[in-house]
Amino acid sequence: MGLREMWRLMSRFNSSKRTNIILQHLAPDAQAQRPWLTGPAAPWHVGSSQTGARTHVPCIGRRTLNHCATREALCRRLDLDFPASRIRMSKHTEAAAEVLLERKGCAGVITLNRPKFLNALNLSMIRQIYPQLKKWEQDPETFLIIIKGAGGKAFCAGGDIRVISEARKANQKIAQDFFREEYMLNNAIDSCQKPYIALIHGITMGGGVGLSVHGLFRVATEKSLFAMPETAIGLFPDVGGGYFLPRLQGKLGCFLALTGFRLKGRDVYAAGIATHFVDSEKLGMLEEDLLALKSPSKENIADVLETYHAKSKIDQDKSFILEEHMDKINSWFSANTVEQIIENLQQDGSSFALEQLKVINKMSPTSLKITLRQLMEGSSKTLQEVLTMEYRLSQACMRGHDFHEGVRAVLIDKDQSPKWKPADLKEVTDEALNNHFKSLGSNDLKF
């Protein structure tokens, strides 16, 4: 069929009918030119999510047709000699929009692309990032990996926990798959053989911390906002929180974990979460300079980051927001029980201490006890051992009450008044606590 006839057909039918009509005329020619397009292993297809019908011809969808503004563009889309490897599969179209994976210059670039949802991480995104990370790690032409968030407001505000909670009510196994595969990705970032650079501009919480903090380089800006607020939703600071939080200065990690305290701007660097600090308006230039490097070593990359860091003047002389309180934080949070930490805060009686006490008293009692033990045990474990422990904790939380109640109160009804069960620390028994840390046997996380 010639282009003129094809164009005539396109103009006669609305977009919902164009694809089927064109494919009916095109299919015989396609099969004649490329006999391997037919059969169960054919790499191209067009399908309907409603009917499941599949036709083994080049993948053409409504969006493709709508975006073909010229005959030449349409021809390029339909060219039967065009390599199959260069065609994006239709079944991945929607998922691919959530995360962009691109090779630019010397780097692989990951862009979290859900700005309306503050780039919250879901299972589909994890399943795209993990294999691509592994491919780039083995690719001799890829020398570094950059991860960033779209939209300017957030790097990644956390995991898409509302979906996880709702899936449990529908008896779906998303909670098992999500946490397992998320933690596998966290470990892959930590062990990545290529320099991994996270541009943690904007909100970076929970799952977003897991996508950044285990990498070799983390670049904060004056708009960075870091927090691990999981105890407020009946969870715990996961994604390796049991590993990196106890390794921060003094008892800062324990304080951040139990209170969900937010660090902003240069404080994210001062706390040791970020390795560098760059003015947000220079991020684009920084990325360009990194991409322009020729076969860079880890030291070359570090030099570029250090140059931008040294030139940043924003809040340069400002002291760390918690600096005046660190001695007391180290004292209060060195206790071995949550009850003793609370007593320490009460006895101190200062306005800062009472403010933290007020915050802690709003958190899930179960989460507080889980978290303190998680950090105490994690301080002497490897990251993989911590992630195995945290996977056990995640599944126990999914089976329990508080996580789903926390999601309801914070994200669904938004009344900010969760009804914890149990509601008092004294009612969280040692047996209940121990059950959270029990092995899952054959279902344990394995690397």
Protein backbone atom coordinates (compact mmCIF):
# COMPACT_ATOMS: atom_id res chain seq x y z
CA MET A 1 0.00 0.00 0.00
CA GLY A 2 1.45 3.40 -0.98
CA LEU A 3 1.75 6.41 1.26
CA ARG A 4 -0.98 8.26 -0.63
CA GLU A 5 -3.50 5.48 0.04
CA MET A 6 -2.39 5.24 3.66
CA TRP A 7 -2.80 8.99 4.15
CA ARG A 8 -6.23 8.87 2.57
CA LEU A 9 -7.28 6.13 4.99
CA MET A 10 -6.01 8.11 7.95
CA SER A 11 -8.01 11.17 7.00
CA ARG A 12 -11.23 9.16 6.65
CA PHE A 13 -11.37 7.63 10.10
CA ASN A 14 -11.19 8.93 13.62
CA SER A 15 -8.15 8.05 15.72
CA SER A 16 -9.79 5.05 17.38
CA LYS A 17 -10.35 3.38 14.02
CA ARG A 18 -7.25 4.46 12.12
CA THR A 19 -4.91 1.90 13.59
CA ASN A 20 -7.06 -1.12 12.80
CA ILE A 21 -7.78 0.00 9.22
CA ILE A 22 -4.16 0.75 8.42
CA LEU A 23 -2.94 -2.46 9.98
CA GLN A 24 -5.43 -4.53 8.01
CA HIS A 25 -3.94 -3.17 4.78
CA LEU A 26 -0.39 -3.20 6.05
CA ALA A 27 -0.18 -6.63 7.64
CA PRO A 28 0.32 -8.71 4.44
CA ASP A 29 3.16 -6.44 3.33
CA ALA A 30 4.72 -6.56 6.77
CA GLN A 31 4.68 -10.33 6.83
CA ALA A 32 6.08 -10.51 3.33
CA GLN A 33 9.04 -8.26 4.19
CA ARG A 34 9.64 -9.68 7.63
CA PRO A 35 8.38 -13.25 8.04
CA TRP A 36 9.84 -13.32 11.57
CA LEU A 37 7.20 -10.76 12.57
CA THR A 38 4.69 -13.60 12.87
CA GLY A 39 4.58 -16.30 15.49
CA PRO A 40 4.77 -16.30 19.29
CA ALA A 41 8.26 -14.80 19.45
CA ALA A 42 7.50 -11.82 17.22
CA PRO A 43 9.05 -8.73 18.82
CA TRP A 44 6.48 -6.25 17.47
CA HIS A 45 2.81 -6.26 18.26
CA VAL A 46 -0.25 -4.15 18.56
CA GLY A 47 -2.61 -5.04 21.36
CA SER A 48 -5.71 -3.91 23.17
CA SER A 49 -5.66 -3.73 26.96
CA GLN A 50 -9.40 -4.32 26.93
CA THR A 51 -9.59 -7.29 24.60
CA GLY A 52 -6.09 -8.65 24.77
CA ALA A 53 -6.17 -9.06 21.00
CA ARG A 54 -2.72 -9.14 19.41
CA THR A 55 -1.66 -8.70 15.82
CA HIS A 56 1.96 -9.39 14.97
CA VAL A 57 2.70 -6.26 13.01
CA PRO A 58 4.69 -3.12 13.87
CA CYS A 59 3.52 -1.49 17.08
CA ILE A 60 1.33 1.51 16.21
CA GLY A 61 -1.00 3.14 18.67
CA ARG A 62 -3.30 6.12 18.88
CA ARG A 63 -0.57 8.32 20.30
CA THR A 64 1.79 7.40 17.50
CA LEU A 65 -0.74 8.34 14.84
CA ASN A 66 -1.70 11.58 16.58
CA HIS A 67 1.93 12.67 16.76
CA CYS A 68 2.79 11.94 13.14
CA ALA A 69 2.52 15.48 11.82
CA THR A 70 4.05 14.79 8.42
CA ARG A 71 4.18 11.97 5.91
CA GLU A 72 7.88 11.66 6.57
CA ALA A 73 7.30 11.20 10.30
CA LEU A 74 4.66 8.57 9.63
CA CYS A 75 6.94 6.82 7.19
CA ARG A 76 9.70 6.65 9.77
CA ARG A 77 7.25 5.15 12.25
CA LEU A 78 6.03 2.50 9.80
CA ASP A 79 9.28 1.73 7.98
CA LEU A 80 9.44 -2.04 7.91
CA ASP A 81 13.20 -1.96 7.54
CA PHE A 82 13.55 -0.01 10.78
CA PRO A 83 15.30 -2.25 13.37
CA ALA A 84 12.95 -3.78 15.89
CA SER A 85 15.35 -2.92 18.69
CA ARG A 86 14.74 0.78 18.03
CA ILE A 87 10.95 0.51 18.49
CA ARG A 88 9.51 1.04 21.96
CA MET A 89 7.13 -1.73 22.93
CA SER A 90 3.53 -0.58 23.27
CA LYS A 91 3.00 -2.51 26.48
CA HIS A 92 5.67 -0.37 28.15
CA THR A 93 4.41 2.99 26.93
CA GLU A 94 2.48 4.00 30.03
CA ALA A 95 5.06 2.65 32.46
CA ALA A 96 7.95 4.28 30.61
CA ALA A 97 6.43 7.72 31.16
CA GLU A 98 6.91 7.33 34.92
CA VAL A 99 10.69 7.06 34.64
CA LEU A 100 12.98 8.15 31.82
CA LEU A 101 16.11 6.11 31.14
CA GLU A 102 18.53 7.77 28.73
CA ARG A 103 22.14 7.54 27.62
CA LYS A 104 23.62 11.03 27.45
CA GLY A 105 27.27 11.67 26.80
CA CYS A 106 29.31 9.45 29.10
CA ALA A 107 26.40 8.78 31.47
CA GLY A 108 23.22 6.87 32.01
CA VAL A 109 20.55 9.27 33.25
CA ILE A 110 17.52 8.21 35.33
CA THR A 111 14.73 10.77 35.63
CA LEU A 112 11.89 10.03 38.06
CA ASN A 113 8.98 11.40 36.09
CA ARG A 114 5.88 11.63 38.28
CA PRO A 115 6.03 15.30 39.28
CA LYS A 116 2.30 15.48 40.10
CA PHE A 117 2.91 12.79 42.71
CA LEU A 118 6.22 14.28 43.85
CA ASN A 119 7.95 11.45 41.95
CA ALA A 120 6.69 8.84 44.42
CA LEU A 121 8.24 5.47 43.69
CA ASN A 122 6.06 2.58 42.54
CA LEU A 123 6.73 -1.02 41.55
CA SER A 124 6.64 -0.28 37.83
CA MET A 125 9.42 2.30 38.22
CA ILE A 126 11.55 -0.08 40.28
CA ARG A 127 11.18 -2.75 37.61
CA GLN A 128 12.44 -0.37 34.96
CA ILE A 129 15.32 1.15 36.92
CA TYR A 130 16.86 -2.07 38.28
CA PRO A 131 17.62 -3.87 35.00
CA GLN A 132 18.80 -0.65 33.33
CA LEU A 133 21.13 0.06 36.24
CA LYS A 134 22.61 -3.42 35.83
CA LYS A 135 23.05 -2.92 32.07
CA TRP A 136 24.80 0.42 32.49
CA GLU A 137 27.01 -1.09 35.16
CA GLN A 138 28.32 -3.59 32.60
CA ASP A 139 28.43 -1.16 29.65
CA PRO A 140 32.03 -0.06 28.90
CA GLU A 141 30.72 3.17 27.32
CA THR A 142 28.82 4.22 30.47
CA PHE A 143 31.12 5.83 33.03
CA LEU A 144 28.66 7.23 35.55
CA ILE A 145 24.97 7.15 36.44
CA ILE A 146 22.91 10.21 37.34
CA ILE A 147 19.48 10.05 38.98
CA LYS A 148 17.22 13.07 39.39
CA GLY A 149 13.56 14.02 39.78
CA ALA A 150 11.35 15.89 37.32
CA GLY A 151 9.31 18.98 38.17
CA GLY A 152 11.60 20.86 40.54
CA LYS A 153 9.59 20.20 43.73
CA ALA A 154 10.85 16.76 44.64
CA PHE A 155 13.59 14.27 43.97
CA CYS A 156 11.33 11.54 45.33
CA ALA A 157 8.90 12.00 48.22
CA GLY A 158 8.87 8.28 49.05
CA GLY A 159 7.22 5.04 48.06
CA ASP A 160 3.66 5.00 46.78
CA ILE A 161 2.41 3.61 50.09
CA ARG A 162 -1.26 4.31 49.48
CA VAL A 163 -1.25 1.84 46.59
CA ILE A 164 0.53 -0.71 48.76
CA SER A 165 -2.04 -0.38 51.55
CA GLU A 166 -4.98 -0.62 49.15
CA ALA A 167 -3.48 -3.69 47.47
CA ARG A 168 -3.39 -5.51 50.79
CA LYS A 169 -7.12 -4.98 51.24
CA ALA A 170 -7.66 -6.55 47.82
CA ASN A 171 -5.48 -9.53 48.79
CA GLN A 172 -2.89 -8.64 46.17
CA LYS A 173 0.79 -9.44 46.74
CA ILE A 174 2.12 -6.01 45.77
CA ALA A 175 3.39 -5.44 49.31
CA GLN A 176 5.62 -8.49 49.05
CA ASP A 177 6.93 -7.62 45.60
CA PHE A 178 7.33 -3.89 46.20
CA PHE A 179 9.46 -4.09 49.32
CA ARG A 180 11.48 -7.06 48.04
CA GLU A 181 12.31 -5.41 44.74
CA GLU A 182 12.82 -1.96 46.26
CA TYR A 183 15.38 -3.32 48.71
CA MET A 184 17.09 -5.25 45.90
CA LEU A 185 17.40 -1.93 44.06
CA ASN A 186 18.78 -0.21 47.17
CA ASN A 187 21.45 -2.91 47.39
CA ALA A 188 22.23 -2.62 43.67
CA ILE A 189 22.82 1.12 44.09
CA ASP A 190 25.16 0.47 47.01
CA SER A 191 27.17 -2.13 45.11
CA CYS A 192 27.11 -0.35 41.75
CA GLN A 193 30.54 -0.44 40.10
CA LYS A 194 29.97 2.86 38.32
CA PRO A 195 29.91 6.22 40.16
CA TYR A 196 26.28 6.91 41.06
CA ILE A 197 25.23 10.54 41.49
CA ALA A 198 21.88 11.45 43.04
CA LEU A 199 20.72 15.04 42.59
CA ILE A 200 18.54 15.27 45.71
CA HIS A 201 16.93 18.59 44.83
CA GLY A 202 13.57 19.14 46.54
CA ILE A 203 11.68 16.69 48.75
CA THR A 204 13.63 13.52 49.48
CA MET A 205 11.92 11.16 51.89
CA GLY A 206 11.54 7.43 52.50
CA GLY A 207 11.93 5.57 49.23
CA GLY A 208 13.63 8.62 47.72
CA VAL A 209 16.32 8.35 50.39
CA GLY A 210 16.80 4.72 49.40
CA LEU A 211 17.36 5.78 45.78
CA SER A 212 20.06 8.26 46.78
CA VAL A 213 21.80 7.72 50.09
CA HIS A 214 23.46 4.42 49.09
CA GLY A 215 25.06 5.99 46.03
CA LEU A 216 28.64 7.24 45.93
CA PHE A 217 27.67 10.91 45.50
CA ARG A 218 24.60 12.82 46.77
CA VAL A 219 24.18 16.45 45.76
CA ALA A 220 21.87 18.63 47.87
CA THR A 221 20.64 22.15 47.06
CA GLU A 222 19.09 24.96 49.13
CA LYS A 223 15.70 23.44 48.25
CA SER A 224 16.48 19.94 49.49
CA LEU A 225 14.18 18.58 52.18
CA PHE A 226 15.20 15.33 53.86
CA ALA A 227 13.15 13.29 56.31
CA MET A 228 12.40 9.72 57.35
CA PRO A 229 8.84 10.22 58.71
CA GLU A 230 7.74 6.57 58.76
CA THR A 231 6.93 6.29 62.48
CA ALA A 232 4.06 8.73 61.83
CA ILE A 233 2.39 6.23 59.49
CA GLY A 234 2.93 3.05 61.46
CA LEU A 235 6.02 1.98 59.54
CA PHE A 236 9.78 2.33 60.22
CA PRO A 237 12.66 4.09 58.40
CA ASP A 238 13.38 1.35 55.89
CA VAL A 239 15.29 1.28 52.55
CA GLY A 240 18.47 0.66 54.55
CA GLY A 241 17.68 3.19 57.27
CA GLY A 242 18.84 0.65 59.81
CA TYR A 243 22.26 0.84 58.15
CA PHE A 244 22.92 4.49 57.35
CA LEU A 245 21.07 6.21 60.22
CA PRO A 246 23.16 4.67 63.06
CA ARG A 247 26.28 5.70 61.14
CA LEU A 248 25.49 9.41 61.21
CA GLN A 249 27.22 11.57 63.85
CA GLY A 250 26.41 10.64 67.43
CA LYS A 251 22.75 9.78 67.94
CA LEU A 252 21.54 12.05 65.13
CA GLY A 253 20.22 9.08 63.13
CA CYS A 254 18.18 7.80 66.06
CA PHE A 255 16.75 11.29 66.61
CA LEU A 256 15.80 11.64 62.92
CA ALA A 257 14.28 8.15 62.84
CA LEU A 258 12.06 8.47 65.90
CA THR A 259 10.91 12.07 65.38
CA GLY A 260 10.84 12.35 61.57
CA PHE A 261 12.66 15.69 61.97
CA ARG A 262 13.12 17.52 58.66
CA LEU A 263 16.49 18.73 57.48
CA LYS A 264 16.55 21.46 54.86
CA GLY A 265 19.08 22.85 52.42
CA ARG A 266 22.70 22.87 53.53
CA ASP A 267 21.74 21.01 56.72
CA VAL A 268 21.25 17.90 54.57
CA TYR A 269 24.95 18.18 53.73
CA ALA A 270 26.00 19.10 57.26
CA ALA A 271 24.25 16.00 58.63
CA GLY A 272 26.21 13.73 56.29
CA ILE A 273 23.22 12.74 54.14
CA ALA A 274 24.60 14.59 51.11
CA THR A 275 28.23 14.53 49.99
CA HIS A 276 28.07 17.90 48.20
CA PHE A 277 26.01 21.09 48.16
CA VAL A 278 25.29 23.04 44.96
CA ASP A 279 23.13 26.09 44.24
CA SER A 280 19.94 24.86 42.57
CA GLU A 281 20.35 27.27 39.66
CA LYS A 282 23.68 25.60 38.86
CA LEU A 283 22.33 22.02 38.74
CA GLY A 284 21.78 22.15 34.98
CA MET A 285 25.33 23.34 34.37
CA LEU A 286 26.69 20.71 36.74
CA GLU A 287 24.89 17.96 34.86
CA GLU A 288 26.16 19.27 31.51
CA ASP A 289 29.73 19.30 32.78
CA LEU A 290 29.40 15.76 34.08
CA LEU A 291 27.94 14.51 30.79
CA ALA A 292 30.73 16.20 28.83
CA LEU A 293 33.50 14.31 30.62
CA LYS A 294 35.54 11.97 28.44
CA SER A 295 36.00 8.49 29.92
CA PRO A 296 36.06 9.97 33.43
CA SER A 297 37.44 8.26 36.50
CA LYS A 298 35.79 8.45 39.90
CA GLU A 299 38.32 11.13 40.80
CA ASN A 300 37.46 13.21 37.70
CA ILE A 301 33.79 13.15 38.68
CA ALA A 302 34.60 14.04 42.28
CA ASP A 303 36.68 17.00 41.06
CA VAL A 304 33.73 18.43 39.10
CA LEU A 305 31.38 18.04 42.06
CA GLU A 306 33.92 19.57 44.43
CA THR A 307 34.39 22.56 42.14
CA TYR A 308 30.68 23.35 42.16
CA HIS A 309 30.46 22.68 45.89
CA ALA A 310 33.30 25.09 46.62
CA LYS A 311 31.66 27.86 44.59
CA SER A 312 28.33 27.64 46.41
CA LYS A 313 27.78 30.54 48.79
CA ILE A 314 24.17 29.94 49.88
CA ASP A 315 24.01 29.55 53.69
CA GLN A 316 27.75 28.92 53.63
CA ASP A 317 28.30 30.44 57.07
CA LYS A 318 25.10 29.13 58.64
CA SER A 319 25.62 26.62 61.44
CA PHE A 320 23.93 23.22 61.44
CA ILE A 321 20.35 23.62 62.69
CA LEU A 322 20.84 20.97 65.41
CA GLU A 323 24.38 21.92 66.36
CA GLU A 324 23.41 23.60 69.65
CA HIS A 325 21.30 20.57 70.62
CA MET A 326 23.64 17.74 69.58
CA ASP A 327 25.14 17.12 73.01
CA LYS A 328 21.68 16.71 74.49
CA ILE A 329 20.43 14.64 71.54
CA ASN A 330 23.39 12.29 72.02
CA SER A 331 22.49 11.97 75.69
CA TRP A 332 18.71 11.63 75.36
CA PHE A 333 18.78 9.12 72.51
CA SER A 334 21.56 6.91 73.86
CA ALA A 335 18.96 5.07 75.96
CA ASN A 336 18.19 1.45 75.10
CA THR A 337 14.41 1.81 75.34
CA VAL A 338 11.88 4.26 73.95
CA GLU A 339 10.44 4.65 77.44
CA GLN A 340 13.82 5.80 78.74
CA ILE A 341 14.23 8.26 75.86
CA ILE A 342 10.85 9.75 76.71
CA GLU A 343 11.81 9.99 80.37
CA ASN A 344 15.06 11.74 79.39
CA LEU A 345 13.10 14.33 77.42
CA GLN A 346 10.66 14.87 80.26
CA GLN A 347 13.42 15.32 82.81
CA ASP A 348 15.24 17.84 80.63
CA GLY A 349 12.15 20.02 80.35
CA SER A 350 13.65 22.49 77.86
CA SER A 351 11.44 23.86 75.10
CA PHE A 352 13.34 21.83 72.49
CA ALA A 353 13.06 18.64 74.54
CA LEU A 354 9.34 19.11 75.14
CA GLU A 355 8.80 19.83 71.45
CA GLN A 356 10.40 16.50 70.53
CA LEU A 357 8.43 14.75 73.26
CA LYS A 358 5.20 16.10 71.80
CA VAL A 359 6.16 14.79 68.37
CA ILE A 360 7.17 11.33 69.61
CA ASN A 361 3.93 10.93 71.55
CA LYS A 362 2.00 11.20 68.27
CA MET A 363 3.89 8.34 66.64
CA SER A 364 2.86 4.70 66.49
CA PRO A 365 4.09 3.06 69.71
CA THR A 366 4.82 -0.14 67.82
CA SER A 367 6.77 1.74 65.15
CA LEU A 368 8.84 3.53 67.77
CA LYS A 369 9.91 0.27 69.41
CA ILE A 370 10.57 -1.44 66.08
CA THR A 371 12.66 1.49 64.89
CA LEU A 372 14.87 1.77 67.97
CA ARG A 373 15.69 -1.94 67.85
CA GLN A 374 16.17 -1.77 64.06
CA LEU A 375 18.84 0.93 64.46
CA MET A 376 20.53 -0.75 67.42
CA GLU A 377 20.85 -4.05 65.55
CA GLY A 378 21.65 -2.36 62.24
CA SER A 379 24.64 -0.50 63.67
CA SER A 380 26.69 -3.72 63.52
CA LYS A 381 25.20 -5.31 60.40
CA THR A 382 26.10 -5.08 56.72
CA LEU A 383 23.65 -3.34 54.40
CA GLN A 384 22.44 -6.66 53.01
CA GLU A 385 21.85 -7.99 56.52
CA VAL A 386 19.94 -4.82 57.38
CA LEU A 387 17.78 -5.04 54.25
CA THR A 388 16.98 -8.68 55.06
CA MET A 389 15.92 -7.59 58.55
CA GLU A 390 13.89 -4.70 57.16
CA TYR A 391 12.08 -6.95 54.71
CA ARG A 392 10.90 -9.05 57.65
CA LEU A 393 9.77 -5.89 59.41
CA SER A 394 7.95 -4.63 56.32
CA GLN A 395 5.92 -7.79 55.97
CA ALA A 396 5.03 -7.79 59.67
CA CYS A 397 3.84 -4.19 59.33
CA MET A 398 1.73 -5.11 56.30
CA ARG A 399 0.02 -7.80 58.36
CA GLY A 400 -0.56 -5.47 61.27
CA HIS A 401 -2.92 -2.59 61.97
CA ASP A 402 -0.89 0.58 62.36
CA PHE A 403 0.52 0.97 58.85
CA HIS A 404 -2.88 0.85 57.20
CA GLU A 405 -4.34 3.12 59.88
CA GLY A 406 -1.49 5.57 59.36
CA VAL A 407 -2.05 5.66 55.61
CA ARG A 408 -5.76 6.25 56.22
CA ALA A 409 -5.18 9.11 58.63
CA VAL A 410 -2.41 10.85 56.69
CA LEU A 411 -3.17 10.15 53.03
CA ILE A 412 -6.79 9.06 52.62
CA ASP A 413 -9.08 10.73 55.18
CA LYS A 414 -6.32 13.22 56.08
CA ASP A 415 -7.71 13.74 59.57
CA GLN A 416 -4.17 13.38 60.99
CA SER A 417 -5.63 11.43 63.91
CA PRO A 418 -4.53 7.80 63.64
CA LYS A 419 -5.90 5.37 66.19
CA TRP A 420 -2.91 3.21 67.01
CA LYS A 421 -3.28 -0.38 68.28
CA PRO A 422 -1.85 -0.71 70.80
CA ALA A 423 -2.10 2.94 71.73
CA ASP A 424 0.46 2.88 74.55
CA LEU A 425 4.12 1.86 74.63
CA LYS A 426 3.49 -0.32 77.67
CA GLU A 427 1.10 -2.45 75.62
CA VAL A 428 3.72 -3.27 72.98
CA THR A 429 4.93 -6.58 74.38
CA ASP A 430 8.36 -8.11 73.86
CA GLU A 431 6.65 -11.04 72.14
CA ALA A 432 4.95 -8.76 69.63
CA LEU A 433 8.22 -6.94 69.03
CA ASN A 434 10.16 -10.17 68.55
CA ASN A 435 7.59 -11.42 66.04
CA HIS A 436 8.41 -8.48 63.77
CA PHE A 437 12.03 -9.62 63.55
CA LYS A 438 11.36 -13.33 62.96
CA SER A 439 12.75 -15.04 59.90
CA LEU A 440 10.34 -15.57 57.00
CA GLY A 441 12.06 -18.81 56.09
CA SER A 442 11.96 -19.45 52.35
CA ASN A 443 10.27 -16.04 51.90
CA ASP A 444 13.19 -14.12 53.37
CA LEU A 445 14.90 -11.55 51.18
CA LYS A 446 17.91 -13.11 49.45
CA PHE A 447 20.63 -11.46 47.39
